[in-house]
C-alpha atoms as a PDB file:
ATOM      1  CA  MET A   1      17.180 -16.048 -14.509  1.00  0.00           C
ATOM      2  CA  ASN A   2      14.591 -17.285 -16.985  1.00  0.00           C
ATOM      3  CA  SER A   3      13.186 -14.413 -19.065  1.00  0.00           C
ATOM      4  CA  ALA A   4       9.681 -15.989 -19.094  1.00  0.00           C
ATOM      5  CA  HIS A   5       9.613 -15.872 -15.297  1.00  0.00           C
ATOM      6  CA  LEU A   6       7.671 -12.950 -13.817  1.00  0.00           C
ATOM      7  CA  ASP A   7       8.791 -11.503 -10.511  1.00  0.00           C
ATOM      8  CA  ILE A   8       5.561 -10.398  -8.882  1.00  0.00           C
ATOM      9  CA  PRO A   9       5.726  -8.620  -5.510  1.00  0.00           C
ATOM     10  CA  GLN A  10       6.354 -11.103  -2.715  1.00  0.00           C
ATOM     11  CA  PHE A  11       5.948  -8.634   0.143  1.00  0.00           C
ATOM     12  CA  VAL A  12       3.123  -6.121   0.340  1.00  0.00           C
ATOM     13  CA  ILE A  13       2.795  -3.526   3.091  1.00  0.00           C
ATOM     14  CA  ILE A  14       0.107  -0.894   3.630  1.00  0.00           C
ATOM     15  CA  HIS A  15       1.343   2.300   5.308  1.00  0.00           C
ATOM     16  CA  ASP A  16      -1.306   4.524   6.886  1.00  0.00           C
ATOM     17  CA  TYR A  17       0.099   8.052   7.280  1.00  0.00           C
ATOM     18  CA  LEU A  18      -2.659   9.246   9.603  1.00  0.00           C
ATOM     19  CA  ASN A  19      -2.106   6.534  12.215  1.00  0.00           C
ATOM     20  CA  ASN A  20       1.562   5.999  11.309  1.00  0.00           C
ATOM     21  CA  SER A  21       0.856   2.278  11.148  1.00  0.00           C
ATOM     22  CA  TYR A  22       1.820  -0.591   8.876  1.00  0.00           C
ATOM     23  CA  LYS A  23      -0.375  -3.543   7.917  1.00  0.00           C
ATOM     24  CA  HIS A  24       0.306  -6.761   6.066  1.00  0.00           C
ATOM     25  CA  PRO A  25      -2.783  -7.421   3.932  1.00  0.00           C
ATOM     26  CA  ILE A  26      -4.214 -10.694   2.712  1.00  0.00           C
ATOM     27  CA  ILE A  27      -3.164 -10.904  -0.931  1.00  0.00           C
ATOM     28  CA  HIS A  28      -5.044 -12.441  -3.847  1.00  0.00           C
ATOM     29  CA  TYR A  29      -3.057 -12.666  -7.080  1.00  0.00           C
ATOM     30  CA  VAL A  30      -5.376 -12.575 -10.087  1.00  0.00           C
ATOM     31  CA  PHE A  31      -3.888 -13.023 -13.535  1.00  0.00           C
ATOM     32  CA  GLU A  32      -5.475 -12.155 -16.871  1.00  0.00           C
ATOM     33  CA  GLN A  33      -8.496 -14.260 -17.788  1.00  0.00           C
ATOM     34  CA  GLU A  34      -8.796 -15.646 -14.257  1.00  0.00           C
ATOM     35  CA  GLU A  35     -11.988 -15.299 -12.276  1.00  0.00           C
ATOM     36  CA  PHE A  36     -11.858 -12.625  -9.609  1.00  0.00           C
ATOM     37  CA  PRO A  37     -12.153 -14.017  -6.045  1.00  0.00           C
ATOM     38  CA  GLN A  38     -15.151 -13.234  -3.837  1.00  0.00           C
ATOM     39  CA  VAL A  39     -13.672 -10.464  -1.693  1.00  0.00           C
ATOM     40  CA  PRO A  40     -15.754  -7.837   0.141  1.00  0.00           C
ATOM     41  CA  LYS A  41     -15.468  -4.704  -1.997  1.00  0.00           C
ATOM     42  CA  GLU A  42     -15.133  -2.370   1.020  1.00  0.00           C
ATOM     43  CA  LYS A  43     -11.856  -4.081   1.934  1.00  0.00           C
ATOM     44  CA  LEU A  44     -10.423  -4.128  -1.571  1.00  0.00           C
ATOM     45  CA  ILE A  45      -7.375  -2.381  -3.042  1.00  0.00           C
ATOM     46  CA  VAL A  46      -6.639  -3.382  -6.632  1.00  0.00           C
ATOM     47  CA  VAL A  47      -3.073  -2.981  -7.908  1.00  0.00           C
ATOM     48  CA  GLU A  48      -2.465  -3.571 -11.612  1.00  0.00           C
ATOM     49  CA  LEU A  49       0.981  -4.316 -13.040  1.00  0.00           C
ATOM     50  CA  ASP A  50       2.158  -4.216 -16.643  1.00  0.00           C
ATOM     51  CA  SER A  51       2.794  -7.406 -18.631  1.00  0.00           C
ATOM     52  CA  THR A  52       6.371  -7.626 -17.329  1.00  0.00           C
ATOM     53  CA  ALA A  53       5.240  -7.114 -13.697  1.00  0.00           C
ATOM     54  CA  THR A  54       7.864  -4.394 -13.250  1.00  0.00           C
ATOM     55  CA  GLN A  55       5.713  -1.235 -13.485  1.00  0.00           C
ATOM     56  CA  LEU A  56       2.492  -0.192 -11.790  1.00  0.00           C
ATOM     57  CA  THR A  57      -0.272   0.696 -14.226  1.00  0.00           C
ATOM     58  CA  ASN A  58      -3.182   1.406 -11.892  1.00  0.00           C
ATOM     59  CA  VAL A  59      -4.124   1.439  -8.201  1.00  0.00           C
ATOM     60  CA  ASP A  60      -7.716   1.670  -6.932  1.00  0.00           C
ATOM     61  CA  SER A  61      -8.980   1.591  -3.359  1.00  0.00           C
ATOM     62  CA  TYR A  62     -12.597   0.511  -2.952  1.00  0.00           C
ATOM     63  CA  ASN A  63     -12.370   0.947   0.808  1.00  0.00           C
ATOM     64  CA  PRO A  64     -14.325   4.070   1.856  1.00  0.00           C
ATOM     65  CA  ASP A  65     -12.171   4.364   5.008  1.00  0.00           C
ATOM     66  CA  PHE A  66      -8.758   4.240   3.282  1.00  0.00           C
ATOM     67  CA  GLN A  67      -7.559   6.065   0.191  1.00  0.00           C
ATOM     68  CA  VAL A  68      -4.294   5.380  -1.583  1.00  0.00           C
ATOM     69  CA  THR A  69      -1.952   8.351  -2.012  1.00  0.00           C
ATOM     70  CA  ASP A  70       1.032   6.513  -3.496  1.00  0.00           C
ATOM     71  CA  CYS A  71       2.164   3.052  -4.436  1.00  0.00           C
ATOM     72  CA  VAL A  72       5.842   2.106  -4.646  1.00  0.00           C
ATOM     73  CA  LEU A  73       7.229  -1.013  -6.305  1.00  0.00           C
ATOM     74  CA  GLU A  74      10.839  -1.633  -5.270  1.00  0.00           C
ATOM     75  CA  GLN A  75      13.275  -4.251  -6.481  1.00  0.00           C
ATOM     76  CA  SER A  76      16.074  -5.607  -4.350  1.00  0.00           C
ATOM     77  CA  ARG A  77      18.586  -8.411  -4.760  1.00  0.00           C
ATOM     78  CA  LEU A  78      18.337 -11.507  -2.616  1.00  0.00           C
ATOM     79  CA  ASN A  79      21.583 -13.360  -2.027  1.00  0.00           C
ATOM     80  CA  SER A  80      21.151 -17.032  -1.262  1.00  0.00           C
ATOM     81  CA  GLN A  81      23.847 -19.250   0.141  1.00  0.00           C
ATOM     82  CA  PHE A  82      22.148 -22.287  -1.414  1.00  0.00           C
ATOM     83  CA  GLU A  83      21.646 -21.019  -4.971  1.00  0.00           C
ATOM     84  CA  ARG A  84      24.393 -20.036  -7.380  1.00  0.00           C
ATOM     85  CA  GLU A  85      22.786 -16.884  -8.684  1.00  0.00           C
ATOM     86  CA  ASP A  86      21.091 -14.005  -6.920  1.00  0.00           C
ATOM     87  CA  SER A  87      17.379 -13.517  -7.353  1.00  0.00           C
ATOM     88  CA  ASN A  88      15.194 -10.436  -7.549  1.00  0.00           C
ATOM     89  CA  LEU A  89      12.799  -9.610  -4.768  1.00  0.00           C
ATOM     90  CA  PHE A  90       9.945  -7.184  -5.391  1.00  0.00           C
ATOM     91  CA  ASN A  91       8.307  -5.284  -2.553  1.00  0.00           C
ATOM     92  CA  LEU A  92       5.111  -3.283  -2.876  1.00  0.00           C
ATOM     93  CA  THR A  93       4.315  -0.477  -0.445  1.00  0.00           C
ATOM     94  CA  ILE A  94       0.813   0.976  -0.623  1.00  0.00           C
ATOM     95  CA  GLU A  95       0.729   4.375   1.068  1.00  0.00           C
ATOM     96  CA  GLY A  96      -2.430   6.178   2.017  1.00  0.00           C
ATOM     97  CA  VAL A  97      -4.613   7.805   4.624  1.00  0.00           C
ATOM     98  CA  SER A  98      -7.481   6.430   6.655  1.00  0.00           C
ATOM     99  CA  ILE A  99     -10.471   8.296   7.998  1.00  0.00           C
ATOM    100  CA  PRO A 100      -9.666   9.678  11.450  1.00  0.00           C
ATOM    101  CA  THR A 101     -11.666   8.412  14.377  1.00  0.00           C
ATOM    102  CA  ILE A 102     -14.008  10.863  16.077  1.00  0.00           C
ATOM    103  CA  HIS A 103     -11.602  11.208  19.017  1.00  0.00           C
ATOM    104  CA  GLU A 104      -8.718  12.160  16.727  1.00  0.00           C
ATOM    105  CA  THR A 105     -10.867  14.761  14.980  1.00  0.00           C
ATOM    106  CA  ILE A 106     -11.828  16.364  18.295  1.00  0.00           C
ATOM    107  CA  ASP A 107      -8.167  16.468  19.346  1.00  0.00           C
ATOM    108  CA  ASP A 108      -7.259  18.141  16.069  1.00  0.00           C
ATOM    109  CA  ILE A 109      -9.994  20.773  16.488  1.00  0.00           C
ATOM    110  CA  ASP A 110      -8.887  21.441  20.076  1.00  0.00           C
ATOM    111  CA  HIS A 111      -5.295  21.907  18.926  1.00  0.00           C
ATOM    112  CA  LEU A 112      -6.482  24.271  16.201  1.00  0.00           C
ATOM    113  CA  LYS A 113      -8.478  26.329  18.716  1.00  0.00           C
ATOM    114  CA  GLU A 114      -5.487  26.434  21.069  1.00  0.00           C
ATOM    115  CA  ALA A 115      -3.172  27.582  18.277  1.00  0.00           C
ATOM    116  CA  ALA A 116      -5.663  30.291  17.239  1.00  0.00           C
ATOM    117  CA  SER A 117      -5.933  31.459  20.851  1.00  0.00           C
ATOM    118  CA  GLN A 118      -2.149  31.660  21.217  1.00  0.00           C
ATOM    119  CA  PHE A 119      -1.903  33.567  17.939  1.00  0.00           C
ATOM    120  CA  LYS A 120      -4.453  36.147  19.168  1.00  0.00           C
ATOM    121  CA  GLU A 121      -2.477  36.662  22.399  1.00  0.00           C
ATOM    122  CA  ARG A 122       0.654  37.725  20.494  1.00  0.00           C
END
């Protein structure tokens, strides 16, 4: 593989722990000295990679309804029957929590009250 070639993440997944859901976001790759695209800030998660694109340097969520708790960059090998050599495949998983809906909050409070009631009965 050419050493000047950067393997940026090809697959990006957002995992929301609260809803136990996965989303495939729209991705905008912005390289140094490029103009940043016009993206609504409330839907923005910025992931910065080092100059070799193999290590995460910073992750910021500008979305008030979703906060990042972890970000994992994984490398795997891709075997191709048409190419002579294997290639690297980078996957990025952004893990975080979203704000619960009002209904979920009420359910959680009800469960807490029920647990407290059961504890008192012991």
